[in-house]
Amino acid sequence: MEWKVSHLEFTGYKTIHPIQLIWHDGLEVIKQLFSDPVFANHITFQPHRVNVRNQYLAWKIQDHLPLGAMQIPIILGSNKTPVMRTTGGLEMHPVFITISNLDLEVQSKATL
């Protein structure tokens, strides 16, 4: 997967340093998770009920999907992180993405 860089400028808002958005295409990340052989034995393809808010909405949507199709719930998280002490207080705000089809014990691990 290739990193993409977008430079952001806001009218009327000057910054000390240029604002860069460094990102991957979210759909490509999801495809990568599904095709990675490391996760092959840790992905659930069989739908099952979980008691969460909006659970009925998820099952209503599933009822309208073609036979054999499934929803892929996406989980996003973010946390402010300092880049390095020598950068004069620069921060980054990474957004982490995973899918709930991955087993819970695998979702937040850096390695298996």
PDB file of N, CA and C in Angstrom:
ATOM      1  N   MET A   1       0.839  -1.176   0.000  1.00  0.00           N
ATOM      2  CA  MET A   1       0.000   0.000   0.000  1.00  0.00           C
ATOM      3  C   MET A   1       0.886   1.241   0.000  1.00  0.00           C
ATOM      4  N   GLU A   2       0.454   2.190  -0.756  1.00  0.00           N
ATOM      5  CA  GLU A   2       1.230   3.414  -0.897  1.00  0.00           C
ATOM      6  C   GLU A   2       0.671   4.523   0.002  1.00  0.00           C
ATOM      7  N   TRP A   3       1.578   5.240   0.681  1.00  0.00           N
ATOM      8  CA  TRP A   3       1.158   6.399   1.459  1.00  0.00           C
ATOM      9  C   TRP A   3       0.835   7.541   0.513  1.00  0.00           C
ATOM     10  N   LYS A   4      -0.177   8.298   0.852  1.00  0.00           N
ATOM     11  CA  LYS A   4      -0.542   9.490   0.092  1.00  0.00           C
ATOM     12  C   LYS A   4      -0.329  10.699   1.006  1.00  0.00           C
ATOM     13  N   VAL A   5      -0.015  11.842   0.409  1.00  0.00           N
ATOM     14  CA  VAL A   5       0.202  13.063   1.187  1.00  0.00           C
ATOM     15  C   VAL A   5      -0.644  14.180   0.589  1.00  0.00           C
ATOM     16  N   SER A   6      -1.419  14.825   1.434  1.00  0.00           N
ATOM     17  CA  SER A   6      -2.193  16.000   1.029  1.00  0.00           C
ATOM     18  C   SER A   6      -1.734  17.174   1.886  1.00  0.00           C
ATOM     19  N   HIS A   7      -1.502  18.309   1.255  1.00  0.00           N
ATOM     20  CA  HIS A   7      -1.112  19.516   1.980  1.00  0.00           C
ATOM     21  C   HIS A   7      -2.367  20.353   2.213  1.00  0.00           C
ATOM     22  N   LEU A   8      -2.569  20.747   3.457  1.00  0.00           N
ATOM     23  CA  LEU A   8      -3.777  21.477   3.823  1.00  0.00           C
ATOM     24  C   LEU A   8      -3.462  22.938   4.115  1.00  0.00           C
ATOM     25  N   GLU A   9      -4.286  23.811   3.597  1.00  0.00           N
ATOM     26  CA  GLU A   9      -4.197  25.238   3.901  1.00  0.00           C
ATOM     27  C   GLU A   9      -5.601  25.741   4.198  1.00  0.00           C
ATOM     28  N   PHE A  10      -5.703  26.609   5.191  1.00  0.00           N
ATOM     29  CA  PHE A  10      -6.991  27.162   5.577  1.00  0.00           C
ATOM     30  C   PHE A  10      -6.945  28.676   5.449  1.00  0.00           C
ATOM     31  N   THR A  11      -7.864  29.237   4.714  1.00  0.00           N
ATOM     32  CA  THR A  11      -7.932  30.683   4.529  1.00  0.00           C
ATOM     33  C   THR A  11      -8.115  31.379   5.877  1.00  0.00           C
ATOM     34  N   GLY A  12      -7.255  32.362   6.141  1.00  0.00           N
ATOM     35  CA  GLY A  12      -7.362  33.111   7.384  1.00  0.00           C
ATOM     36  C   GLY A  12      -6.717  32.443   8.579  1.00  0.00           C
ATOM     37  N   TYR A  13      -6.050  31.315   8.377  1.00  0.00           N
ATOM     38  CA  TYR A  13      -5.409  30.603   9.485  1.00  0.00           C
ATOM     39  C   TYR A  13      -3.982  30.279   9.073  1.00  0.00           C
ATOM     40  N   LYS A  14      -3.034  31.024   9.607  1.00  0.00           N
ATOM     41  CA  LYS A  14      -1.627  30.793   9.276  1.00  0.00           C
ATOM     42  C   LYS A  14      -1.045  29.796  10.269  1.00  0.00           C
ATOM     43  N   THR A  15      -0.192  28.925   9.764  1.00  0.00           N
ATOM     44  CA  THR A  15       0.464  27.942  10.621  1.00  0.00           C
ATOM     45  C   THR A  15       1.969  28.161  10.577  1.00  0.00           C
ATOM     46  N   ILE A  16       2.643  27.779  11.644  1.00  0.00           N
ATOM     47  CA  ILE A  16       4.104  27.873  11.688  1.00  0.00           C
ATOM     48  C   ILE A  16       4.704  26.864  10.719  1.00  0.00           C
ATOM     49  N   HIS A  17       4.164  25.662  10.734  1.00  0.00           N
ATOM     50  CA  HIS A  17       4.622  24.591   9.851  1.00  0.00           C
ATOM     51  C   HIS A  17       3.482  24.225   8.906  1.00  0.00           C
ATOM     52  N   PRO A  18       3.805  23.795   7.688  1.00  0.00           N
ATOM     53  CA  PRO A  18       2.741  23.346   6.777  1.00  0.00           C
ATOM     54  C   PRO A  18       2.001  22.146   7.380  1.00  0.00           C
ATOM     55  N   ILE A  19       0.719  22.078   7.136  1.00  0.00           N
ATOM     56  CA  ILE A  19      -0.074  20.948   7.622  1.00  0.00           C
ATOM     57  C   ILE A  19      -0.101  19.889   6.528  1.00  0.00           C
ATOM     58  N   GLN A  20       0.335  18.691   6.889  1.00  0.00           N
ATOM     59  CA  GLN A  20       0.327  17.574   5.949  1.00  0.00           C
ATOM     60  C   GLN A  20      -0.613  16.498   6.469  1.00  0.00           C
ATOM     61  N   LEU A  21      -1.426  15.990   5.600  1.00  0.00           N
ATOM     62  CA  LEU A  21      -2.264  14.842   5.899  1.00  0.00           C
ATOM     63  C   LEU A  21      -1.625  13.660   5.181  1.00  0.00           C
ATOM     64  N   ILE A  22      -1.099  12.715   5.950  1.00  0.00           N
ATOM     65  CA  ILE A  22      -0.439  11.531   5.393  1.00  0.00           C
ATOM     66  C   ILE A  22      -1.395  10.369   5.628  1.00  0.00           C
ATOM     67  N   TRP A  23      -1.782   9.675   4.557  1.00  0.00           N
ATOM     68  CA  TRP A  23      -2.887   8.734   4.687  1.00  0.00           C
ATOM     69  C   TRP A  23      -2.808   7.577   3.691  1.00  0.00           C
ATOM     70  N   HIS A  24      -3.581   6.557   4.016  1.00  0.00           N
ATOM     71  CA  HIS A  24      -3.853   5.423   3.129  1.00  0.00           C
ATOM     72  C   HIS A  24      -5.333   5.479   2.773  1.00  0.00           C
ATOM     73  N   ASP A  25      -5.690   4.941   1.648  1.00  0.00           N
ATOM     74  CA  ASP A  25      -7.093   4.794   1.264  1.00  0.00           C
ATOM     75  C   ASP A  25      -7.728   3.765   2.207  1.00  0.00           C
ATOM     76  N   GLY A  26      -8.806   4.148   2.901  1.00  0.00           N
ATOM     77  CA  GLY A  26      -9.450   3.267   3.874  1.00  0.00           C
ATOM     78  C   GLY A  26      -9.917   1.948   3.287  1.00  0.00           C
ATOM     79  N   LEU A  27     -10.464   1.969   2.069  1.00  0.00           N
ATOM     80  CA  LEU A  27     -10.922   0.738   1.429  1.00  0.00           C
ATOM     81  C   LEU A  27      -9.746  -0.193   1.150  1.00  0.00           C
ATOM     82  N   GLU A  28      -8.609   0.368   0.758  1.00  0.00           N
ATOM     83  CA  GLU A  28      -7.413  -0.446   0.514  1.00  0.00           C
ATOM     84  C   GLU A  28      -6.914  -1.084   1.814  1.00  0.00           C
ATOM     85  N   VAL A  29      -7.025  -0.354   2.919  1.00  0.00           N
ATOM     86  CA  VAL A  29      -6.621  -0.905   4.217  1.00  0.00           C
ATOM     87  C   VAL A  29      -7.506  -2.100   4.568  1.00  0.00           C
ATOM     88  N   ILE A  30      -8.820  -1.959   4.373  1.00  0.00           N
ATOM     89  CA  ILE A  30      -9.754  -3.054   4.659  1.00  0.00           C
ATOM     90  C   ILE A  30      -9.444  -4.262   3.776  1.00  0.00           C
ATOM     91  N   LYS A  31      -9.215  -4.031   2.492  1.00  0.00           N
ATOM     92  CA  LYS A  31      -8.862  -5.131   1.582  1.00  0.00           C
ATOM     93  C   LYS A  31      -7.587  -5.822   2.046  1.00  0.00           C
ATOM     94  N   GLN A  32      -6.608  -5.039   2.501  1.00  0.00           N
ATOM     95  CA  GLN A  32      -5.347  -5.594   2.984  1.00  0.00           C
ATOM     96  C   GLN A  32      -5.579  -6.491   4.194  1.00  0.00           C
ATOM     97  N   LEU A  33      -6.422  -6.039   5.125  1.00  0.00           N
ATOM     98  CA  LEU A  33      -6.708  -6.848   6.308  1.00  0.00           C
ATOM     99  C   LEU A  33      -7.334  -8.187   5.919  1.00  0.00           C
ATOM    100  N   PHE A  34      -8.261  -8.163   4.967  1.00  0.00           N
ATOM    101  CA  PHE A  34      -8.916  -9.401   4.539  1.00  0.00           C
ATOM    102  C   PHE A  34      -7.990 -10.321   3.754  1.00  0.00           C
ATOM    103  N   SER A  35      -7.033  -9.773   3.041  1.00  0.00           N
ATOM    104  CA  SER A  35      -6.180 -10.610   2.193  1.00  0.00           C
ATOM    105  C   SER A  35      -4.872 -11.014   2.863  1.00  0.00           C
ATOM    106  N   ASP A  36      -4.590 -10.488   4.052  1.00  0.00           N
ATOM    107  CA  ASP A  36      -3.334 -10.802   4.732  1.00  0.00           C
ATOM    108  C   ASP A  36      -3.383 -12.227   5.282  1.00  0.00           C
ATOM    109  N   PRO A  37      -2.481 -13.111   4.843  1.00  0.00           N
ATOM    110  CA  PRO A  37      -2.504 -14.500   5.313  1.00  0.00           C
ATOM    111  C   PRO A  37      -2.267 -14.629   6.819  1.00  0.00           C
ATOM    112  N   VAL A  38      -1.647 -13.646   7.434  1.00  0.00           N
ATOM    113  CA  VAL A  38      -1.421 -13.681   8.880  1.00  0.00           C
ATOM    114  C   VAL A  38      -2.753 -13.729   9.630  1.00  0.00           C
ATOM    115  N   PHE A  39      -3.782 -13.085   9.079  1.00  0.00           N
ATOM    116  CA  PHE A  39      -5.083 -13.024   9.744  1.00  0.00           C
ATOM    117  C   PHE A  39      -6.041 -14.128   9.297  1.00  0.00           C
ATOM    118  N   ALA A  40      -5.621 -14.981   8.391  1.00  0.00           N
ATOM    119  CA  ALA A  40      -6.515 -15.982   7.789  1.00  0.00           C
ATOM    120  C   ALA A  40      -7.281 -16.810   8.825  1.00  0.00           C
ATOM    121  N   ASN A  41      -6.643 -17.183   9.909  1.00  0.00           N
ATOM    122  CA  ASN A  41      -7.303 -18.008  10.928  1.00  0.00           C
ATOM    123  C   ASN A  41      -7.924 -17.178  12.047  1.00  0.00           C
ATOM    124  N   HIS A  42      -7.976 -15.859  11.858  1.00  0.00           N
ATOM    125  CA  HIS A  42      -8.480 -14.974  12.908  1.00  0.00           C
ATOM    126  C   HIS A  42      -9.627 -14.088  12.433  1.00  0.00           C
ATOM    127  N   ILE A  43     -10.210 -14.398  11.277  1.00  0.00           N
ATOM    128  CA  ILE A  43     -11.326 -13.614  10.744  1.00  0.00           C
ATOM    129  C   ILE A  43     -12.605 -14.440  10.812  1.00  0.00           C
ATOM    130  N   THR A  44     -13.682 -13.822  11.294  1.00  0.00           N
ATOM    131  CA  THR A  44     -14.977 -14.477  11.379  1.00  0.00           C
ATOM    132  C   THR A  44     -15.809 -14.103  10.159  1.00  0.00           C
ATOM    133  N   PHE A  45     -16.310 -15.114   9.466  1.00  0.00           N
ATOM    134  CA  PHE A  45     -17.161 -14.875   8.303  1.00  0.00           C
ATOM    135  C   PHE A  45     -18.614 -15.235   8.575  1.00  0.00           C
ATOM    136  N   GLN A  46     -18.878 -15.913   9.675  1.00  0.00           N
ATOM    137  CA  GLN A  46     -20.224 -16.339  10.036  1.00  0.00           C
ATOM    138  C   GLN A  46     -20.874 -15.275  10.912  1.00  0.00           C
ATOM    139  N   PRO A  47     -22.017 -14.704  10.513  1.00  0.00           N
ATOM    140  CA  PRO A  47     -22.657 -13.690  11.356  1.00  0.00           C
ATOM    141  C   PRO A  47     -23.145 -14.293  12.672  1.00  0.00           C
ATOM    142  N   HIS A  48     -23.049 -13.522  13.735  1.00  0.00           N
ATOM    143  CA  HIS A  48     -23.581 -13.931  15.031  1.00  0.00           C
ATOM    144  C   HIS A  48     -24.087 -12.689  15.759  1.00  0.00           C
ATOM    145  N   ARG A  49     -25.051 -12.902  16.644  1.00  0.00           N
ATOM    146  CA  ARG A  49     -25.659 -11.776  17.356  1.00  0.00           C
ATOM    147  C   ARG A  49     -24.791 -11.373  18.550  1.00  0.00           C
ATOM    148  N   VAL A  50     -24.633 -10.060  18.684  1.00  0.00           N
ATOM    149  CA  VAL A  50     -23.934  -9.485  19.827  1.00  0.00           C
ATOM    150  C   VAL A  50     -24.836  -8.386  20.365  1.00  0.00           C
ATOM    151  N   ASN A  51     -25.001  -8.331  21.676  1.00  0.00           N
ATOM    152  CA  ASN A  51     -25.868  -7.314  22.271  1.00  0.00           C
ATOM    153  C   ASN A  51     -25.147  -5.977  22.336  1.00  0.00           C
ATOM    154  N   VAL A  52     -25.408  -5.144  21.365  1.00  0.00           N
ATOM    155  CA  VAL A  52     -24.860  -3.790  21.327  1.00  0.00           C
ATOM    156  C   VAL A  52     -25.988  -2.841  20.954  1.00  0.00           C
ATOM    157  N   ARG A  53     -25.753  -1.561  21.180  1.00  0.00           N
ATOM    158  CA  ARG A  53     -26.741  -0.579  20.759  1.00  0.00           C
ATOM    159  C   ARG A  53     -26.858  -0.660  19.242  1.00  0.00           C
ATOM    160  N   ASN A  54     -27.988  -0.504  18.686  1.00  0.00           N
ATOM    161  CA  ASN A  54     -28.254  -0.585  17.239  1.00  0.00           C
ATOM    162  C   ASN A  54     -28.125  -1.999  16.673  1.00  0.00           C
ATOM    163  N   GLN A  55     -28.140  -3.017  17.517  1.00  0.00           N
ATOM    164  CA  GLN A  55     -28.007  -4.378  17.009  1.00  0.00           C
ATOM    165  C   GLN A  55     -29.135  -4.741  16.046  1.00  0.00           C
ATOM    166  N   TYR A  56     -30.312  -4.207  16.285  1.00  0.00           N
ATOM    167  CA  TYR A  56     -31.442  -4.542  15.415  1.00  0.00           C
ATOM    168  C   TYR A  56     -31.267  -3.927  14.037  1.00  0.00           C
ATOM    169  N   LEU A  57     -30.680  -2.741  13.963  1.00  0.00           N
ATOM    170  CA  LEU A  57     -30.408  -2.109  12.679  1.00  0.00           C
ATOM    171  C   LEU A  57     -29.452  -2.974  11.857  1.00  0.00           C
ATOM    172  N   ALA A  58     -28.419  -3.496  12.500  1.00  0.00           N
ATOM    173  CA  ALA A  58     -27.451  -4.341  11.794  1.00  0.00           C
ATOM    174  C   ALA A  58     -28.137  -5.575  11.205  1.00  0.00           C
ATOM    175  N   TRP A  59     -29.039  -6.192  11.958  1.00  0.00           N
ATOM    176  CA  TRP A  59     -29.717  -7.380  11.443  1.00  0.00           C
ATOM    177  C   TRP A  59     -30.726  -7.028  10.353  1.00  0.00           C
ATOM    178  N   LYS A  60     -31.353  -5.855  10.449  1.00  0.00           N
ATOM    179  CA  LYS A  60     -32.247  -5.415   9.365  1.00  0.00           C
ATOM    180  C   LYS A  60     -31.463  -5.236   8.072  1.00  0.00           C
ATOM    181  N   ILE A  61     -30.291  -4.618   8.171  1.00  0.00           N
ATOM    182  CA  ILE A  61     -29.443  -4.431   6.987  1.00  0.00           C
ATOM    183  C   ILE A  61     -29.016  -5.784   6.439  1.00  0.00           C
ATOM    184  N   GLN A  62     -28.603  -6.693   7.323  1.00  0.00           N
ATOM    185  CA  GLN A  62     -28.149  -8.018   6.893  1.00  0.00           C
ATOM    186  C   GLN A  62     -29.258  -8.757   6.153  1.00  0.00           C
ATOM    187  N   ASP A  63     -30.499  -8.588   6.590  1.00  0.00           N
ATOM    188  CA  ASP A  63     -31.627  -9.257   5.937  1.00  0.00           C
ATOM    189  C   ASP A  63     -31.800  -8.828   4.483  1.00  0.00           C
ATOM    190  N   HIS A  64     -31.335  -7.631   4.128  1.00  0.00           N
ATOM    191  CA  HIS A  64     -31.484  -7.126   2.756  1.00  0.00           C
ATOM    192  C   HIS A  64     -30.276  -7.422   1.868  1.00  0.00           C
ATOM    193  N   LEU A  65     -29.241  -8.005   2.430  1.00  0.00           N
ATOM    194  CA  LEU A  65     -28.052  -8.331   1.633  1.00  0.00           C
ATOM    195  C   LEU A  65     -28.262  -9.648   0.898  1.00  0.00           C
ATOM    196  N   PRO A  66     -27.600  -9.838  -0.237  1.00  0.00           N
ATOM    197  CA  PRO A  66     -27.715 -11.107  -0.953  1.00  0.00           C
ATOM    198  C   PRO A  66     -27.200 -12.268  -0.099  1.00  0.00           C
ATOM    199  N   LEU A  67     -27.692 -13.452  -0.373  1.00  0.00           N
ATOM    200  CA  LEU A  67     -27.261 -14.654   0.337  1.00  0.00           C
ATOM    201  C   LEU A  67     -25.748 -14.801   0.209  1.00  0.00           C
ATOM    202  N   GLY A  68     -25.071 -15.006   1.313  1.00  0.00           N
ATOM    203  CA  GLY A  68     -23.619 -15.157   1.306  1.00  0.00           C
ATOM    204  C   GLY A  68     -22.863 -13.856   1.539  1.00  0.00           C
ATOM    205  N   ALA A  69     -23.559 -12.709   1.454  1.00  0.00           N
ATOM    206  CA  ALA A  69     -22.907 -11.416   1.698  1.00  0.00           C
ATOM    207  C   ALA A  69     -22.915 -11.116   3.194  1.00  0.00           C
ATOM    208  N   MET A  70     -21.995 -10.282   3.616  1.00  0.00           N
ATOM    209  CA  MET A  70     -21.950  -9.916   5.032  1.00  0.00           C
ATOM    210  C   MET A  70     -21.531  -8.458   5.183  1.00  0.00           C
ATOM    211  N   GLN A  71     -21.887  -7.901   6.321  1.00  0.00           N
ATOM    212  CA  GLN A  71     -21.455  -6.553   6.668  1.00  0.00           C
ATOM    213  C   GLN A  71     -20.028  -6.624   7.206  1.00  0.00           C
ATOM    214  N   ILE A  72     -19.302  -5.536   7.042  1.00  0.00           N
ATOM    215  CA  ILE A  72     -17.960  -5.449   7.608  1.00  0.00           C
ATOM    216  C   ILE A  72     -17.936  -4.220   8.517  1.00  0.00           C
ATOM    217  N   PRO A  73     -18.246  -4.401   9.796  1.00  0.00           N
ATOM    218  CA  PRO A  73     -18.200  -3.255  10.706  1.00  0.00           C
ATOM    219  C   PRO A  73     -16.765  -2.742  10.852  1.00  0.00           C
ATOM    220  N   ILE A  74     -16.599  -1.439  10.697  1.00  0.00           N
ATOM    221  CA  ILE A  74     -15.282  -0.816  10.746  1.00  0.00           C
ATOM    222  C   ILE A  74     -15.111  -0.121  12.089  1.00  0.00           C
ATOM    223  N   ILE A  75     -13.950  -0.299  12.690  1.00  0.00           N
ATOM    224  CA  ILE A  75     -13.631   0.308  13.975  1.00  0.00           C
ATOM    225  C   ILE A  75     -12.542   1.352  13.743  1.00  0.00           C
ATOM    226  N   LEU A  76     -12.798   2.578  14.181  1.00  0.00           N
ATOM    227  CA  LEU A  76     -11.822   3.661  14.073  1.00  0.00           C
ATOM    228  C   LEU A  76     -11.449   4.139  15.468  1.00  0.00           C
ATOM    229  N   GLY A  77     -10.199   4.504  15.634  1.00  0.00           N
ATOM    230  CA  GLY A  77      -9.735   5.081  16.895  1.00  0.00           C
ATOM    231  C   GLY A  77      -8.698   6.147  16.600  1.00  0.00           C
ATOM    232  N   SER A  78      -8.535   7.077  17.515  1.00  0.00           N
ATOM    233  CA  SER A  78      -7.553   8.140  17.312  1.00  0.00           C
ATOM    234  C   SER A  78      -6.997   8.573  18.656  1.00  0.00           C
ATOM    235  N   ASN A  79      -5.763   9.071  18.631  1.00  0.00           N
ATOM    236  CA  ASN A  79      -5.128   9.543  19.840  1.00  0.00           C
ATOM    237  C   ASN A  79      -4.028  10.525  19.465  1.00  0.00           C
ATOM    238  N   LYS A  80      -3.972  11.663  20.132  1.00  0.00           N
ATOM    239  CA  LYS A  80      -2.919  12.648  19.867  1.00  0.00           C
ATOM    240  C   LYS A  80      -1.580  12.079  20.332  1.00  0.00           C
ATOM    241  N   THR A  81      -0.551  12.236  19.505  1.00  0.00           N
ATOM    242  CA  THR A  81       0.766  11.693  19.799  1.00  0.00           C
ATOM    243  C   THR A  81       1.839  12.727  19.470  1.00  0.00           C
ATOM    244  N   PRO A  82       2.771  13.005  20.404  1.00  0.00           N
ATOM    245  CA  PRO A  82       3.876  13.892  20.041  1.00  0.00           C
ATOM    246  C   PRO A  82       4.779  13.192  19.029  1.00  0.00           C
ATOM    247  N   VAL A  83       5.304  13.953  18.059  1.00  0.00           N
ATOM    248  CA  VAL A  83       6.157  13.342  17.032  1.00  0.00           C
ATOM    249  C   VAL A  83       7.516  13.016  17.634  1.00  0.00           C
ATOM    250  N   MET A  84       8.251  14.020  18.074  1.00  0.00           N
ATOM    251  CA  MET A  84       9.536  13.841  18.763  1.00  0.00           C
ATOM    252  C   MET A  84       9.791  15.085  19.599  1.00  0.00           C
ATOM    253  N   ARG A  85      10.587  14.947  20.617  1.00  0.00           N
ATOM    254  CA  ARG A  85      10.892  16.101  21.464  1.00  0.00           C
ATOM    255  C   ARG A  85      11.652  17.180  20.698  1.00  0.00           C
ATOM    256  N   THR A  86      12.436  16.791  19.709  1.00  0.00           N
ATOM    257  CA  THR A  86      13.279  17.755  18.989  1.00  0.00           C
ATOM    258  C   THR A  86      12.527  18.530  17.909  1.00  0.00           C
ATOM    259  N   THR A  87      11.245  18.268  17.714  1.00  0.00           N
ATOM    260  CA  THR A  87      10.499  18.941  16.644  1.00  0.00           C
ATOM    261  C   THR A  87       9.774  20.190  17.122  1.00  0.00           C
ATOM    262  N   GLY A  88      10.014  20.592  18.340  1.00  0.00           N
ATOM    263  CA  GLY A  88       9.387  21.817  18.821  1.00  0.00           C
ATOM    264  C   GLY A  88       7.910  21.680  19.123  1.00  0.00           C
ATOM    265  N   GLY A  89       7.500  20.554  19.631  1.00  0.00           N
ATOM    266  CA  GLY A  89       6.116  20.378  20.045  1.00  0.00           C
ATOM    267  C   GLY A  89       5.152  19.976  18.948  1.00  0.00           C
ATOM    268  N   LEU A  90       5.662  19.481  17.820  1.00  0.00           N
ATOM    269  CA  LEU A  90       4.751  19.011  16.772  1.00  0.00           C
ATOM    270  C   LEU A  90       3.984  17.798  17.268  1.00  0.00           C
ATOM    271  N   GLU A  91       2.764  17.685  16.822  1.00  0.00           N
ATOM    272  CA  GLU A  91       1.921  16.550  17.199  1.00  0.00           C
ATOM    273  C   GLU A  91       1.352  15.911  15.954  1.00  0.00           C
ATOM    274  N   MET A  92       1.020  14.647  16.080  1.00  0.00           N
ATOM    275  CA  MET A  92       0.262  13.993  15.021  1.00  0.00           C
ATOM    276  C   MET A  92      -0.977  13.394  15.665  1.00  0.00           C
ATOM    277  N   HIS A  93      -1.986  13.208  14.854  1.00  0.00           N
ATOM    278  CA  HIS A  93      -3.253  12.659  15.334  1.00  0.00           C
ATOM    279  C   HIS A  93      -3.590  11.449  14.466  1.00  0.00           C
ATOM    280  N   PRO A  94      -2.940  10.301  14.720  1.00  0.00           N
ATOM    281  CA  PRO A  94      -3.192   9.134  13.871  1.00  0.00           C
ATOM    282  C   PRO A  94      -4.607   8.594  14.063  1.00  0.00           C
ATOM    283  N   VAL A  95      -5.156   8.074  12.987  1.00  0.00           N
ATOM    284  CA  VAL A  95      -6.441   7.385  13.036  1.00  0.00           C
ATOM    285  C   VAL A  95      -6.142   5.920  12.754  1.00  0.00           C
ATOM    286  N   PHE A  96      -6.540   5.063  13.672  1.00  0.00           N
ATOM    287  CA  PHE A  96      -6.314   3.632  13.537  1.00  0.00           C
ATOM    288  C   PHE A  96      -7.593   3.001  13.007  1.00  0.00           C
ATOM    289  N   ILE A  97      -7.446   2.043  12.103  1.00  0.00           N
ATOM    290  CA  ILE A  97      -8.616   1.400  11.506  1.00  0.00           C
ATOM    291  C   ILE A  97      -8.451  -0.118  11.585  1.00  0.00           C
ATOM    292  N   THR A  98      -9.529  -0.786  11.921  1.00  0.00           N
ATOM    293  CA  THR A  98      -9.551  -2.245  11.876  1.00  0.00           C
ATOM    294  C   THR A  98     -10.991  -2.661  11.580  1.00  0.00           C
ATOM    295  N   ILE A  99     -11.210  -3.939  11.490  1.00  0.00           N
ATOM    296  CA  ILE A  99     -12.546  -4.470  11.223  1.00  0.00           C
ATOM    297  C   ILE A  99     -12.955  -5.370  12.377  1.00  0.00           C
ATOM    298  N   SER A 100     -14.240  -5.371  12.691  1.00  0.00           N
ATOM    299  CA  SER A 100     -14.677  -6.192  13.819  1.00  0.00           C
ATOM    300  C   SER A 100     -14.769  -7.668  13.456  1.00  0.00           C
ATOM    301  N   ASN A 101     -14.537  -8.009  12.194  1.00  0.00           N
ATOM    302  CA  ASN A 101     -14.498  -9.418  11.802  1.00  0.00           C
ATOM    303  C   ASN A 101     -13.228 -10.102  12.314  1.00  0.00           C
ATOM    304  N   LEU A 102     -12.219  -9.305  12.676  1.00  0.00           N
ATOM    305  CA  LEU A 102     -11.011  -9.873  13.268  1.00  0.00           C
ATOM    306  C   LEU A 102     -11.297 -10.249  14.711  1.00  0.00           C
ATOM    307  N   ASP A 103     -10.752 -11.365  15.156  1.00  0.00           N
ATOM    308  CA  ASP A 103     -10.923 -11.779  16.538  1.00  0.00           C
ATOM    309  C   ASP A 103     -10.420 -10.685  17.478  1.00  0.00           C
ATOM    310  N   LEU A 104     -11.099 -10.508  18.615  1.00  0.00           N
ATOM    311  CA  LEU A 104     -10.749  -9.447  19.562  1.00  0.00           C
ATOM    312  C   LEU A 104      -9.294  -9.508  20.005  1.00  0.00           C
ATOM    313  N   GLU A 105      -8.776 -10.712  20.242  1.00  0.00           N
ATOM    314  CA  GLU A 105      -7.400 -10.825  20.732  1.00  0.00           C
ATOM    315  C   GLU A 105      -6.369 -10.425  19.673  1.00  0.00           C
ATOM    316  N   VAL A 106      -6.802 -10.259  18.426  1.00  0.00           N
ATOM    317  CA  VAL A 106      -5.898  -9.898  17.334  1.00  0.00           C
ATOM    318  C   VAL A 106      -6.027  -8.426  16.950  1.00  0.00           C
ATOM    319  N   GLN A 107      -7.191  -7.828  17.139  1.00  0.00           N
ATOM    320  CA  GLN A 107      -7.479  -6.477  16.636  1.00  0.00           C
ATOM    321  C   GLN A 107      -6.453  -5.428  17.026  1.00  0.00           C
ATOM    322  N   SER A 108      -5.995  -5.428  18.256  1.00  0.00           N
ATOM    323  CA  SER A 108      -5.115  -4.345  18.702  1.00  0.00           C
ATOM    324  C   SER A 108      -3.657  -4.766  18.854  1.00  0.00           C
ATOM    325  N   LYS A 109      -3.296  -5.944  18.374  1.00  0.00           N
ATOM    326  CA  LYS A 109      -1.904  -6.379  18.462  1.00  0.00           C
ATOM    327  C   LYS A 109      -1.106  -5.856  17.280  1.00  0.00           C
ATOM    328  N   ALA A 110       0.131  -5.464  17.540  1.00  0.00           N
ATOM    329  CA  ALA A 110       1.015  -5.009  16.459  1.00  0.00           C
ATOM    330  C   ALA A 110       1.542  -6.198  15.663  1.00  0.00           C
ATOM    331  N   THR A 111       1.763  -7.321  16.331  1.00  0.00           N
ATOM    332  CA  THR A 111       2.267  -8.525  15.658  1.00  0.00           C
ATOM    333  C   THR A 111       1.550  -9.747  16.215  1.00  0.00           C
ATOM    334  N   LEU A 112       1.588 -10.839  15.467  1.00  0.00           N
ATOM    335  CA  LEU A 112       1.011 -12.106  15.949  1.00  0.00           C
ATOM    336  C   LEU A 112       2.112 -13.085  16.253  1.00  0.00           C
TER     337      LEU A 112
END
